[in-house]
PDB file of N, CA and C in Angstrom:
ATOM      1  N   MET A   1       0.814  -1.239  -0.058  1.00  0.00           N
ATOM      2  CA  MET A   1       0.013  -0.122  -0.075  1.00  0.00           C
ATOM      3  C   MET A   1       0.890   1.224  -0.015  1.00  0.00           C
ATOM      4  N   VAL A   2       1.978   1.207   0.805  1.00  0.00           N
ATOM      5  CA  VAL A   2       2.756   2.439   0.851  1.00  0.00           C
ATOM      6  C   VAL A   2       3.425   2.758  -0.613  1.00  0.00           C
ATOM      7  N   TYR A   3       3.890   1.564  -1.166  1.00  0.00           N
ATOM      8  CA  TYR A   3       4.559   1.643  -2.476  1.00  0.00           C
ATOM      9  C   TYR A   3       3.564   2.428  -3.475  1.00  0.00           C
ATOM     10  N   THR A   4       2.265   1.892  -3.441  1.00  0.00           N
ATOM     11  CA  THR A   4       1.257   2.376  -4.354  1.00  0.00           C
ATOM     12  C   THR A   4       1.037   3.846  -4.102  1.00  0.00           C
ATOM     13  N   ARG A   5       0.875   4.205  -2.905  1.00  0.00           N
ATOM     14  CA  ARG A   5       0.682   5.593  -2.571  1.00  0.00           C
ATOM     15  C   ARG A   5       1.805   6.469  -2.989  1.00  0.00           C
ATOM     16  N   LEU A   6       3.019   6.015  -2.853  1.00  0.00           N
ATOM     17  CA  LEU A   6       4.172   6.667  -3.288  1.00  0.00           C
ATOM     18  C   LEU A   6       4.214   7.008  -4.719  1.00  0.00           C
ATOM     19  N   VAL A   7       4.245   5.861  -5.555  1.00  0.00           N
ATOM     20  CA  VAL A   7       4.484   6.022  -7.038  1.00  0.00           C
ATOM     21  C   VAL A   7       3.200   6.547  -7.711  1.00  0.00           C
ATOM     22  N   ASN A   8       2.123   6.545  -7.093  1.00  0.00           N
ATOM     23  CA  ASN A   8       0.837   7.189  -7.730  1.00  0.00           C
ATOM     24  C   ASN A   8       0.581   8.577  -7.352  1.00  0.00           C
ATOM     25  N   ASP A   9       1.518   9.229  -6.503  1.00  0.00           N
ATOM     26  CA  ASP A   9       1.465  10.544  -6.069  1.00  0.00           C
ATOM     27  C   ASP A   9       1.779  11.322  -7.370  1.00  0.00           C
ATOM     28  N   GLU A  10       0.948  12.320  -7.790  1.00  0.00           N
ATOM     29  CA  GLU A  10       1.142  13.061  -9.026  1.00  0.00           C
ATOM     30  C   GLU A  10       2.485  13.868  -9.035  1.00  0.00           C
ATOM     31  N   ARG A  11       3.001  14.219  -7.865  1.00  0.00           N
ATOM     32  CA  ARG A  11       4.259  15.014  -7.751  1.00  0.00           C
ATOM     33  C   ARG A  11       5.463  14.199  -8.305  1.00  0.00           C
ATOM     34  N   ILE A  12       5.411  12.893  -8.186  1.00  0.00           N
ATOM     35  CA  ILE A  12       6.662  12.141  -8.515  1.00  0.00           C
ATOM     36  C   ILE A  12       6.315  11.299  -9.748  1.00  0.00           C
ATOM     37  N   LYS A  13       4.989  10.953  -9.933  1.00  0.00           N
ATOM     38  CA  LYS A  13       4.617   9.975 -10.955  1.00  0.00           C
ATOM     39  C   LYS A  13       4.948  10.526 -12.334  1.00  0.00           C
ATOM     40  N   LYS A  14       4.862  11.929 -12.424  1.00  0.00           N
ATOM     41  CA  LYS A  14       4.999  12.539 -13.884  1.00  0.00           C
ATOM     42  C   LYS A  14       6.534  12.520 -14.080  1.00  0.00           C
ATOM     43  N   TYR A  15       7.441  12.216 -13.255  1.00  0.00           N
ATOM     44  CA  TYR A  15       8.862  12.180 -13.538  1.00  0.00           C
ATOM     45  C   TYR A  15       9.394  10.769 -13.685  1.00  0.00           C
ATOM     46  N   LEU A  16       8.677   9.766 -13.280  1.00  0.00           N
ATOM     47  CA  LEU A  16       9.169   8.388 -13.337  1.00  0.00           C
ATOM     48  C   LEU A  16       8.941   7.850 -14.652  1.00  0.00           C
ATOM     49  N   GLY A  17       9.962   6.995 -15.076  1.00  0.00           N
ATOM     50  CA  GLY A  17       9.890   6.287 -16.303  1.00  0.00           C
ATOM     51  C   GLY A  17       9.369   4.744 -15.953  1.00  0.00           C
ATOM     52  N   GLY A  18       9.724   4.502 -14.746  1.00  0.00           N
ATOM     53  CA  GLY A  18       9.333   3.079 -14.181  1.00  0.00           C
ATOM     54  C   GLY A  18       9.535   2.998 -12.627  1.00  0.00           C
ATOM     55  N   SER A  19       8.893   2.104 -12.209  1.00  0.00           N
ATOM     56  CA  SER A  19       9.082   1.718 -10.771  1.00  0.00           C
ATOM     57  C   SER A  19       8.889   0.205 -10.459  1.00  0.00           C
ATOM     58  N   GLY A  20       9.333  -0.256  -9.326  1.00  0.00           N
ATOM     59  CA  GLY A  20       8.974  -1.671  -9.037  1.00  0.00           C
ATOM     60  C   GLY A  20       9.467  -2.070  -7.616  1.00  0.00           C
ATOM     61  N   THR A  21       9.060  -3.172  -7.141  1.00  0.00           N
ATOM     62  CA  THR A  21       9.360  -3.700  -5.880  1.00  0.00           C
ATOM     63  C   THR A  21      10.233  -5.010  -6.047  1.00  0.00           C
ATOM     64  N   THR A  22      10.644  -5.318  -7.307  1.00  0.00           N
ATOM     65  CA  THR A  22      11.398  -6.600  -7.525  1.00  0.00           C
ATOM     66  C   THR A  22      12.712  -6.080  -8.133  1.00  0.00           C
ATOM     67  N   LYS A  23      13.870  -6.492  -7.625  1.00  0.00           N
ATOM     68  CA  LYS A  23      15.103  -6.028  -8.054  1.00  0.00           C
ATOM     69  C   LYS A  23      15.341  -6.527  -9.542  1.00  0.00           C
ATOM     70  N   VAL A  24      15.771  -5.670 -10.370  1.00  0.00           N
ATOM     71  CA  VAL A  24      16.181  -5.930 -11.712  1.00  0.00           C
ATOM     72  C   VAL A  24      17.486  -5.407 -12.018  1.00  0.00           C
ATOM     73  N   ASP A  25      18.345  -6.230 -12.936  1.00  0.00           N
ATOM     74  CA  ASP A  25      19.699  -5.685 -13.098  1.00  0.00           C
ATOM     75  C   ASP A  25      19.672  -4.316 -13.894  1.00  0.00           C
ATOM     76  N   VAL A  26      18.886  -4.231 -14.823  1.00  0.00           N
ATOM     77  CA  VAL A  26      18.689  -3.095 -15.658  1.00  0.00           C
ATOM     78  C   VAL A  26      17.322  -2.649 -15.713  1.00  0.00           C
ATOM     79  N   PRO A  27      16.946  -1.448 -15.155  1.00  0.00           N
ATOM     80  CA  PRO A  27      15.496  -0.976 -15.305  1.00  0.00           C
ATOM     81  C   PRO A  27      15.102  -0.811 -16.631  1.00  0.00           C
ATOM     82  N   ALA A  28      13.830  -1.072 -16.971  1.00  0.00           N
ATOM     83  CA  ALA A  28      13.256  -0.907 -18.277  1.00  0.00           C
ATOM     84  C   ALA A  28      13.289   0.562 -18.814  1.00  0.00           C
ATOM     85  N   ALA A  29      13.170   1.419 -17.893  1.00  0.00           N
ATOM     86  CA  ALA A  29      13.029   2.943 -18.200  1.00  0.00           C
ATOM     87  C   ALA A  29      13.614   3.733 -17.197  1.00  0.00           C
ATOM     88  N   PHE A  30      14.201   4.896 -17.495  1.00  0.00           N
ATOM     89  CA  PHE A  30      14.676   5.800 -16.434  1.00  0.00           C
ATOM     90  C   PHE A  30      13.913   7.136 -16.523  1.00  0.00           C
ATOM     91  N   PRO A  31      13.812   7.794 -15.467  1.00  0.00           N
ATOM     92  CA  PRO A  31      14.290   7.521 -14.135  1.00  0.00           C
ATOM     93  C   PRO A  31      13.445   6.255 -13.487  1.00  0.00           C
ATOM     94  N   TYR A  32      14.035   5.546 -12.703  1.00  0.00           N
ATOM     95  CA  TYR A  32      13.470   4.322 -12.082  1.00  0.00           C
ATOM     96  C   TYR A  32      13.544   4.433 -10.583  1.00  0.00           C
ATOM     97  N   LEU A  33      12.332   4.064  -9.967  1.00  0.00           N
ATOM     98  CA  LEU A  33      12.286   3.983  -8.485  1.00  0.00           C
ATOM     99  C   LEU A  33      12.149   2.560  -8.072  1.00  0.00           C
ATOM    100  N   TYR A  34      13.086   2.156  -7.294  1.00  0.00           N
ATOM    101  CA  TYR A  34      12.946   0.736  -6.679  1.00  0.00           C
ATOM    102  C   TYR A  34      12.653   0.850  -5.199  1.00  0.00           C
ATOM    103  N   PHE A  35      11.510   0.180  -4.854  1.00  0.00           N
ATOM    104  CA  PHE A  35      11.025   0.278  -3.447  1.00  0.00           C
ATOM    105  C   PHE A  35      11.121  -1.167  -2.864  1.00  0.00           C
ATOM    106  N   LYS A  36      11.904  -1.244  -1.801  1.00  0.00           N
ATOM    107  CA  LYS A  36      12.186  -2.492  -1.069  1.00  0.00           C
ATOM    108  C   LYS A  36      11.739  -2.558   0.445  1.00  0.00           C
ATOM    109  N   SER A  37      11.058  -3.487   0.649  1.00  0.00           N
ATOM    110  CA  SER A  37      10.535  -3.707   2.224  1.00  0.00           C
ATOM    111  C   SER A  37      11.846  -4.229   2.869  1.00  0.00           C
ATOM    112  N   GLN A  38      12.038  -3.622   4.041  1.00  0.00           N
ATOM    113  CA  GLN A  38      13.298  -4.057   4.890  1.00  0.00           C
ATOM    114  C   GLN A  38      12.693  -4.976   5.989  1.00  0.00           C
ATOM    115  N   GLY A  39      11.400  -5.171   6.040  1.00  0.00           N
ATOM    116  CA  GLY A  39      10.789  -5.936   7.020  1.00  0.00           C
ATOM    117  C   GLY A  39       9.705  -5.313   7.829  1.00  0.00           C
ATOM    118  N   GLN A  40       8.883  -6.099   8.432  1.00  0.00           N
ATOM    119  CA  GLN A  40       7.753  -5.403   9.252  1.00  0.00           C
ATOM    120  C   GLN A  40       7.480  -6.297  10.547  1.00  0.00           C
ATOM    121  N   PRO A  41       8.482  -6.457  11.438  1.00  0.00           N
ATOM    122  CA  PRO A  41       8.378  -7.207  12.531  1.00  0.00           C
ATOM    123  C   PRO A  41       7.387  -6.651  13.543  1.00  0.00           C
ATOM    124  N   THR A  42       6.873  -7.540  14.364  1.00  0.00           N
ATOM    125  CA  THR A  42       5.849  -7.021  15.524  1.00  0.00           C
ATOM    126  C   THR A  42       6.807  -6.304  16.532  1.00  0.00           C
ATOM    127  N   THR A  43       6.239  -5.139  16.910  1.00  0.00           N
ATOM    128  CA  THR A  43       6.963  -4.365  18.016  1.00  0.00           C
ATOM    129  C   THR A  43       6.099  -4.285  19.356  1.00  0.00           C
ATOM    130  N   SER A  44       4.895  -4.710  19.207  1.00  0.00           N
ATOM    131  CA  SER A  44       4.030  -4.756  20.429  1.00  0.00           C
ATOM    132  C   SER A  44       3.050  -5.709  20.306  1.00  0.00           C
ATOM    133  N   SER A  45       2.588  -6.308  21.347  1.00  0.00           N
ATOM    134  CA  SER A  45       1.479  -7.343  21.456  1.00  0.00           C
ATOM    135  C   SER A  45       0.542  -6.989  22.675  1.00  0.00           C
ATOM    136  N   THR A  46      -0.677  -7.510  22.452  1.00  0.00           N
ATOM    137  CA  THR A  46      -1.638  -7.387  23.476  1.00  0.00           C
ATOM    138  C   THR A  46      -1.327  -8.424  24.673  1.00  0.00           C
ATOM    139  N   LEU A  47      -2.138  -8.326  25.675  1.00  0.00           N
ATOM    140  CA  LEU A  47      -2.038  -9.307  26.723  1.00  0.00           C
ATOM    141  C   LEU A  47      -2.517 -10.778  26.201  1.00  0.00           C
ATOM    142  N   GLN A  48      -3.325 -10.741  25.148  1.00  0.00           N
ATOM    143  CA  GLN A  48      -3.688 -11.959  24.570  1.00  0.00           C
ATOM    144  C   GLN A  48      -2.727 -12.423  23.489  1.00  0.00           C
ATOM    145  N   ASN A  49      -1.455 -11.809  23.464  1.00  0.00           N
ATOM    146  CA  ASN A  49      -0.488 -12.176  22.498  1.00  0.00           C
ATOM    147  C   ASN A  49      -0.811 -11.915  20.956  1.00  0.00           C
ATOM    148  N   GLN A  50      -1.653 -11.023  20.845  1.00  0.00           N
ATOM    149  CA  GLN A  50      -2.003 -10.732  19.354  1.00  0.00           C
ATOM    150  C   GLN A  50      -1.165  -9.336  19.087  1.00  0.00           C
ATOM    151  N   GLN A  51      -0.687  -9.417  17.787  1.00  0.00           N
ATOM    152  CA  GLN A  51       0.117  -8.311  17.319  1.00  0.00           C
ATOM    153  C   GLN A  51      -0.777  -7.009  17.220  1.00  0.00           C
ATOM    154  N   CYS A  52      -0.268  -6.021  17.719  1.00  0.00           N
ATOM    155  CA  CYS A  52      -0.949  -4.657  17.810  1.00  0.00           C
ATOM    156  C   CYS A  52      -0.180  -3.521  17.222  1.00  0.00           C
ATOM    157  N   ALA A  53       1.105  -3.858  16.830  1.00  0.00           N
ATOM    158  CA  ALA A  53       1.956  -2.802  16.367  1.00  0.00           C
ATOM    159  C   ALA A  53       3.129  -3.466  15.638  1.00  0.00           C
ATOM    160  N   ILE A  54       3.456  -2.798  14.374  1.00  0.00           N
ATOM    161  CA  ILE A  54       4.498  -3.353  13.622  1.00  0.00           C
ATOM    162  C   ILE A  54       5.474  -2.218  13.237  1.00  0.00           C
ATOM    163  N   SER A  55       6.682  -2.511  12.995  1.00  0.00           N
ATOM    164  CA  SER A  55       7.804  -1.543  12.744  1.00  0.00           C
ATOM    165  C   SER A  55       8.104  -1.782  11.282  1.00  0.00           C
ATOM    166  N   ALA A  56       7.576  -0.803  10.440  1.00  0.00           N
ATOM    167  CA  ALA A  56       7.818  -0.869   9.003  1.00  0.00           C
ATOM    168  C   ALA A  56       9.092  -0.155   8.452  1.00  0.00           C
ATOM    169  N   ASP A  57       9.869  -0.819   7.725  1.00  0.00           N
ATOM    170  CA  ASP A  57      11.049  -0.146   7.242  1.00  0.00           C
ATOM    171  C   ASP A  57      11.143  -0.396   5.695  1.00  0.00           C
ATOM    172  N   PHE A  58      11.471   0.644   4.981  1.00  0.00           N
ATOM    173  CA  PHE A  58      11.452   0.542   3.554  1.00  0.00           C
ATOM    174  C   PHE A  58      12.782   1.267   3.064  1.00  0.00           C
ATOM    175  N   GLU A  59      13.284   0.813   2.040  1.00  0.00           N
ATOM    176  CA  GLU A  59      14.449   1.375   1.248  1.00  0.00           C
ATOM    177  C   GLU A  59      14.004   1.756  -0.101  1.00  0.00           C
ATOM    178  N   ILE A  60      14.263   3.037  -0.426  1.00  0.00           N
ATOM    179  CA  ILE A  60      13.986   3.553  -1.839  1.00  0.00           C
ATOM    180  C   ILE A  60      15.420   3.957  -2.529  1.00  0.00           C
ATOM    181  N   SER A  61      15.462   3.466  -3.731  1.00  0.00           N
ATOM    182  CA  SER A  61      16.560   3.761  -4.642  1.00  0.00           C
ATOM    183  C   SER A  61      16.000   4.466  -5.871  1.00  0.00           C
ATOM    184  N   VAL A  62      16.595   5.601  -6.270  1.00  0.00           N
ATOM    185  CA  VAL A  62      16.164   6.261  -7.543  1.00  0.00           C
ATOM    186  C   VAL A  62      17.381   6.149  -8.498  1.00  0.00           C
ATOM    187  N   PHE A  63      17.205   5.607  -9.707  1.00  0.00           N
ATOM    188  CA  PHE A  63      18.241   5.424 -10.685  1.00  0.00           C
ATOM    189  C   PHE A  63      17.896   6.460 -11.921  1.00  0.00           C
ATOM    190  N   THR A  64      18.827   7.076 -12.404  1.00  0.00           N
ATOM    191  CA  THR A  64      18.660   7.869 -13.723  1.00  0.00           C
ATOM    192  C   THR A  64      19.961   7.514 -14.544  1.00  0.00           C
ATOM    193  N   SER A  65      19.707   7.825 -15.819  1.00  0.00           N
ATOM    194  CA  SER A  65      20.811   7.576 -16.737  1.00  0.00           C
ATOM    195  C   SER A  65      21.593   8.840 -17.136  1.00  0.00           C
ATOM    196  N   ASP A  66      20.831  10.099 -16.855  1.00  0.00           N
ATOM    197  CA  ASP A  66      21.447  11.295 -17.296  1.00  0.00           C
ATOM    198  C   ASP A  66      22.314  12.022 -16.375  1.00  0.00           C
ATOM    199  N   SER A  67      21.820  12.124 -15.057  1.00  0.00           N
ATOM    200  CA  SER A  67      22.653  12.940 -14.222  1.00  0.00           C
ATOM    201  C   SER A  67      22.314  12.654 -12.687  1.00  0.00           C
ATOM    202  N   SER A  68      23.309  12.813 -11.868  1.00  0.00           N
ATOM    203  CA  SER A  68      23.204  12.458 -10.456  1.00  0.00           C
ATOM    204  C   SER A  68      22.180  13.460  -9.814  1.00  0.00           C
ATOM    205  N   SER A  69      22.193  14.736 -10.364  1.00  0.00           N
ATOM    206  CA  SER A  69      21.370  15.824  -9.715  1.00  0.00           C
ATOM    207  C   SER A  69      19.892  15.424  -9.903  1.00  0.00           C
ATOM    208  N   LYS A  70      19.448  14.817 -11.036  1.00  0.00           N
ATOM    209  CA  LYS A  70      18.174  14.446 -11.252  1.00  0.00           C
ATOM    210  C   LYS A  70      17.681  13.315 -10.267  1.00  0.00           C
ATOM    211  N   ALA A  71      18.645  12.306 -10.034  1.00  0.00           N
ATOM    212  CA  ALA A  71      18.305  11.346  -9.094  1.00  0.00           C
ATOM    213  C   ALA A  71      18.198  11.935  -7.745  1.00  0.00           C
ATOM    214  N   LYS A  72      18.979  12.789  -7.428  1.00  0.00           N
ATOM    215  CA  LYS A  72      18.995  13.551  -6.095  1.00  0.00           C
ATOM    216  C   LYS A  72      17.694  14.234  -5.853  1.00  0.00           C
ATOM    217  N   GLN A  73      17.175  15.054  -6.828  1.00  0.00           N
ATOM    218  CA  GLN A  73      15.904  15.674  -6.847  1.00  0.00           C
ATOM    219  C   GLN A  73      14.829  14.735  -6.484  1.00  0.00           C
ATOM    220  N   LEU A  74      14.864  13.626  -7.288  1.00  0.00           N
ATOM    221  CA  LEU A  74      13.734  12.626  -7.123  1.00  0.00           C
ATOM    222  C   LEU A  74      13.727  11.860  -5.768  1.00  0.00           C
ATOM    223  N   ILE A  75      14.916  11.557  -5.203  1.00  0.00           N
ATOM    224  CA  ILE A  75      14.943  10.948  -3.867  1.00  0.00           C
ATOM    225  C   ILE A  75      14.497  11.892  -2.829  1.00  0.00           C
ATOM    226  N   PHE A  76      14.806  13.229  -2.878  1.00  0.00           N
ATOM    227  CA  PHE A  76      14.241  14.209  -1.975  1.00  0.00           C
ATOM    228  C   PHE A  76      12.720  14.376  -2.196  1.00  0.00           C
ATOM    229  N   LEU A  77      12.383  14.299  -3.247  1.00  0.00           N
ATOM    230  CA  LEU A  77      10.765  14.331  -3.534  1.00  0.00           C
ATOM    231  C   LEU A  77      10.099  13.135  -2.884  1.00  0.00           C
ATOM    232  N   ALA A  78      10.612  11.852  -3.068  1.00  0.00           N
ATOM    233  CA  ALA A  78      10.214  10.765  -2.492  1.00  0.00           C
ATOM    234  C   ALA A  78      10.210  10.837  -1.016  1.00  0.00           C
ATOM    235  N   ALA A  79      11.334  11.449  -0.401  1.00  0.00           N
ATOM    236  CA  ALA A  79      11.358  11.648   1.074  1.00  0.00           C
ATOM    237  C   ALA A  79      10.419  12.591   1.576  1.00  0.00           C
ATOM    238  N   ASP A  80       9.935  13.680   0.880  1.00  0.00           N
ATOM    239  CA  ASP A  80       8.875  14.532   1.194  1.00  0.00           C
ATOM    240  C   ASP A  80       7.611  13.786   1.312  1.00  0.00           C
ATOM    241  N   ILE A  81       7.335  12.931   0.278  1.00  0.00           N
ATOM    242  CA  ILE A  81       6.065  12.100   0.189  1.00  0.00           C
ATOM    243  C   ILE A  81       6.072  11.206   1.315  1.00  0.00           C
ATOM    244  N   MET A  82       7.151  10.373   1.667  1.00  0.00           N
ATOM    245  CA  MET A  82       7.139   9.513   2.673  1.00  0.00           C
ATOM    246  C   MET A  82       6.956  10.243   4.008  1.00  0.00           C
ATOM    247  N   THR A  83       7.428  11.299   4.168  1.00  0.00           N
ATOM    248  CA  THR A  83       7.389  12.077   5.510  1.00  0.00           C
ATOM    249  C   THR A  83       5.863  12.408   5.685  1.00  0.00           C
ATOM    250  N   GLU A  84       5.189  12.833   4.531  1.00  0.00           N
ATOM    251  CA  GLU A  84       3.757  13.040   4.660  1.00  0.00           C
ATOM    252  C   GLU A  84       2.910  11.779   4.992  1.00  0.00           C
ATOM    253  N   LEU A  85       3.456  10.605   4.591  1.00  0.00           N
ATOM    254  CA  LEU A  85       2.833   9.449   5.044  1.00  0.00           C
ATOM    255  C   LEU A  85       3.077   8.996   6.455  1.00  0.00           C
ATOM    256  N   GLY A  86       3.878   9.786   7.174  1.00  0.00           N
ATOM    257  CA  GLY A  86       4.198   9.509   8.577  1.00  0.00           C
ATOM    258  C   GLY A  86       5.451   8.788   8.792  1.00  0.00           C
ATOM    259  N   PHE A  87       6.325   8.628   7.837  1.00  0.00           N
ATOM    260  CA  PHE A  87       7.653   8.017   7.987  1.00  0.00           C
ATOM    261  C   PHE A  87       8.639   9.106   8.303  1.00  0.00           C
ATOM    262  N   ARG A  88       9.730   8.540   8.904  1.00  0.00           N
ATOM    263  CA  ARG A  88      10.866   9.373   9.106  1.00  0.00           C
ATOM    264  C   ARG A  88      12.068   8.760   8.450  1.00  0.00           C
ATOM    265  N   MET A  89      12.939   9.653   7.909  1.00  0.00           N
ATOM    266  CA  MET A  89      14.055   9.062   7.226  1.00  0.00           C
ATOM    267  C   MET A  89      15.222   8.788   8.205  1.00  0.00           C
ATOM    268  N   ASN A  90      15.672   7.477   8.243  1.00  0.00           N
ATOM    269  CA  ASN A  90      16.657   7.081   9.236  1.00  0.00           C
ATOM    270  C   ASN A  90      17.967   6.724   8.605  1.00  0.00           C
ATOM    271  N   TYR A  91      18.071   7.015   7.283  1.00  0.00           N
ATOM    272  CA  TYR A  91      19.327   6.772   6.489  1.00  0.00           C
ATOM    273  C   TYR A  91      19.237   7.476   5.149  1.00  0.00           C
ATOM    274  N   GLY A  92      20.310   8.233   4.851  1.00  0.00           N
ATOM    275  CA  GLY A  92      20.402   8.958   3.563  1.00  0.00           C
ATOM    276  C   GLY A  92      19.609  10.372   3.597  1.00  0.00           C
ATOM    277  N   PRO A  93      19.370  10.791   2.419  1.00  0.00           N
ATOM    278  CA  PRO A  93      19.679  10.341   1.098  1.00  0.00           C
ATOM    279  C   PRO A  93      21.110  10.307   0.961  1.00  0.00           C
ATOM    280  N   LEU A  94      21.577   9.335   0.246  1.00  0.00           N
ATOM    281  CA  LEU A  94      22.959   9.124  -0.025  1.00  0.00           C
ATOM    282  C   LEU A  94      23.281   8.732  -1.497  1.00  0.00           C
ATOM    283  N   GLU A  95      24.216   9.296  -2.057  1.00  0.00           N
ATOM    284  CA  GLU A  95      24.579   9.017  -3.498  1.00  0.00           C
ATOM    285  C   GLU A  95      25.446   7.705  -3.371  1.00  0.00           C
ATOM    286  N   ILE A  96      25.118   6.682  -4.205  1.00  0.00           N
ATOM    287  CA  ILE A  96      25.783   5.462  -4.354  1.00  0.00           C
ATOM    288  C   ILE A  96      26.896   5.655  -5.335  1.00  0.00           C
ATOM    289  N   GLU A  97      28.187   5.433  -5.032  1.00  0.00           N
ATOM    290  CA  GLU A  97      29.237   5.596  -6.020  1.00  0.00           C
ATOM    291  C   GLU A  97      29.145   4.627  -7.131  1.00  0.00           C
ATOM    292  N   ARG A  98      29.444   5.108  -8.393  1.00  0.00           N
ATOM    293  CA  ARG A  98      29.355   4.319  -9.557  1.00  0.00           C
ATOM    294  C   ARG A  98      30.778   3.625  -9.770  1.00  0.00           C
ATOM    295  N   SER A  99      30.856   2.318 -10.172  1.00  0.00           N
ATOM    296  CA  SER A  99      32.004   1.710 -10.491  1.00  0.00           C
ATOM    297  C   SER A  99      32.471   2.041 -11.973  1.00  0.00           C
ATOM    298  N   SER A 100      31.604   2.517 -12.660  1.00  0.00           N
ATOM    299  CA  SER A 100      32.033   2.849 -14.064  1.00  0.00           C
ATOM    300  C   SER A 100      31.037   3.913 -14.470  1.00  0.00           C
ATOM    301  N   THR A 101      31.537   4.672 -15.552  1.00  0.00           N
ATOM    302  CA  THR A 101      30.730   5.833 -16.069  1.00  0.00           C
ATOM    303  C   THR A 101      29.482   5.215 -16.968  1.00  0.00           C
ATOM    304  N   SER A 102      29.448   3.923 -17.223  1.00  0.00           N
ATOM    305  CA  SER A 102      28.244   3.439 -17.875  1.00  0.00           C
ATOM    306  C   SER A 102      27.175   2.956 -16.883  1.00  0.00           C
ATOM    307  N   GLU A 103      27.372   2.955 -15.739  1.00  0.00           N
ATOM    308  CA  GLU A 103      26.330   2.629 -14.739  1.00  0.00           C
ATOM    309  C   GLU A 103      25.461   3.719 -14.528  1.00  0.00           C
ATOM    310  N   ALA A 104      24.126   3.423 -14.203  1.00  0.00           N
ATOM    311  CA  ALA A 104      23.205   4.561 -13.755  1.00  0.00           C
ATOM    312  C   ALA A 104      23.617   5.263 -12.508  1.00  0.00           C
ATOM    313  N   HIS A 105      23.218   6.452 -12.401  1.00  0.00           N
ATOM    314  CA  HIS A 105      23.268   7.332 -11.147  1.00  0.00           C
ATOM    315  C   HIS A 105      22.236   6.803 -10.155  1.00  0.00           C
ATOM    316  N   ARG A 106      22.641   6.666  -8.917  1.00  0.00           N
ATOM    317  CA  ARG A 106      21.805   6.057  -7.975  1.00  0.00           C
ATOM    318  C   ARG A 106      21.854   6.901  -6.589  1.00  0.00           C
ATOM    319  N   TRP A 107      20.639   7.184  -6.008  1.00  0.00           N
ATOM    320  CA  TRP A 107      20.563   7.845  -4.815  1.00  0.00           C
ATOM    321  C   TRP A 107      19.711   6.788  -3.958  1.00  0.00           C
ATOM    322  N   LEU A 108      19.938   6.734  -2.747  1.00  0.00           N
ATOM    323  CA  LEU A 108      19.217   5.826  -1.738  1.00  0.00           C
ATOM    324  C   LEU A 108      18.915   6.415  -0.392  1.00  0.00           C
ATOM    325  N   ALA A 109      17.764   6.066   0.096  1.00  0.00           N
ATOM    326  CA  ALA A 109      17.239   6.513   1.444  1.00  0.00           C
ATOM    327  C   ALA A 109      16.381   5.396   2.092  1.00  0.00           C
ATOM    328  N   ARG A 110      16.409   5.346   3.372  1.00  0.00           N
ATOM    329  CA  ARG A 110      15.746   4.362   4.165  1.00  0.00           C
ATOM    330  C   ARG A 110      14.673   5.004   5.086  1.00  0.00           C
ATOM    331  N   PHE A 111      13.524   4.465   5.368  1.00  0.00           N
ATOM    332  CA  PHE A 111      12.437   5.108   6.032  1.00  0.00           C
ATOM    333  C   PHE A 111      11.832   4.093   7.088  1.00  0.00           C
ATOM    334  N   HIS A 112      11.318   4.666   8.227  1.00  0.00           N
ATOM    335  CA  HIS A 112      10.772   3.958   9.221  1.00  0.00           C
ATOM    336  C   HIS A 112       9.499   4.505   9.747  1.00  0.00           C
ATOM    337  N   ARG A 113       8.567   3.633  10.130  1.00  0.00           N
ATOM    338  CA  ARG A 113       7.403   4.097  10.819  1.00  0.00           C
ATOM    339  C   ARG A 113       6.756   2.936  11.616  1.00  0.00           C
ATOM    340  N   THR A 114       6.210   3.120  12.775  1.00  0.00           N
ATOM    341  CA  THR A 114       5.500   2.162  13.660  1.00  0.00           C
ATOM    342  C   THR A 114       4.026   2.263  13.294  1.00  0.00           C
ATOM    343  N   TYR A 115       3.338   1.213  12.939  1.00  0.00           N
ATOM    344  CA  TYR A 115       1.966   1.260  12.703  1.00  0.00           C
ATOM    345  C   TYR A 115       1.303   0.503  13.844  1.00  0.00           C
ATOM    346  N   CYS A 116       0.295   1.129  14.341  1.00  0.00           N
ATOM    347  CA  CYS A 116      -0.481   0.538  15.566  1.00  0.00           C
ATOM    348  C   CYS A 116      -1.926   0.151  14.951  1.00  0.00           C
ATOM    349  N   GLY A 117      -2.600  -0.564  15.832  1.00  0.00           N
ATOM    350  CA  GLY A 117      -3.937  -0.872  15.496  1.00  0.00           C
ATOM    351  C   GLY A 117      -4.831   0.318  15.071  1.00  0.00           C
ATOM    352  N   GLY A 118      -5.548   0.327  13.917  1.00  0.00           N
ATOM    353  CA  GLY A 118      -6.322   1.460  13.475  1.00  0.00           C
ATOM    354  C   GLY A 118      -5.556   2.427  12.484  1.00  0.00           C
ATOM    355  N   ASP A 119      -4.307   2.323  12.391  1.00  0.00           N
ATOM    356  CA  ASP A 119      -3.504   3.131  11.398  1.00  0.00           C
ATOM    357  C   ASP A 119      -3.730   2.533  10.075  1.00  0.00           C
ATOM    358  N   SER A 120      -3.678   3.387   9.060  1.00  0.00           N
ATOM    359  CA  SER A 120      -3.724   2.939   7.645  1.00  0.00           C
ATOM    360  C   SER A 120      -2.381   3.036   7.123  1.00  0.00           C
ATOM    361  N   ILE A 121      -2.134   1.977   6.257  1.00  0.00           N
ATOM    362  CA  ILE A 121      -0.746   1.935   5.690  1.00  0.00           C
ATOM    363  C   ILE A 121      -0.819   2.545   4.268  1.00  0.00           C
TER     364      ILE A 121
END
C-alpha cells in the first residue's frame, strides 16, 4: 500500500519512467524508483499475545541515466512524500558511487514508521 501511494502521487509520478518492488539488473526505463521492504516485525503485542503494532522499514533507490542531480531531486521528492505518510528518514539520502561511467546514477534513502491498530498503511 505504501509503494502504491508513493508512486501514484502526481508530484513524482510525472517524472518516473518506471518503478518496481522486484530487483532488476537493468531498469526498463529511467528514471526508475526501486522500493524495497526491509521487514515489518511485531513491535508490540496485547495481553492475549496478538500483534498490535509493527515496525515498517523501507528502502528507496532512484536510478537515472542522465545525471546525479536528477536522481537527487527525485529521492528528496520521495522523502517529502514518505514524510507526509508519517515516515521518518533514518538513512540517507546518499549517493551510491558508480564503479564505471556506464552505470546509472543512484541515490538511496531508508524510512521507518511504527503502525498501530487502526492506522492505515
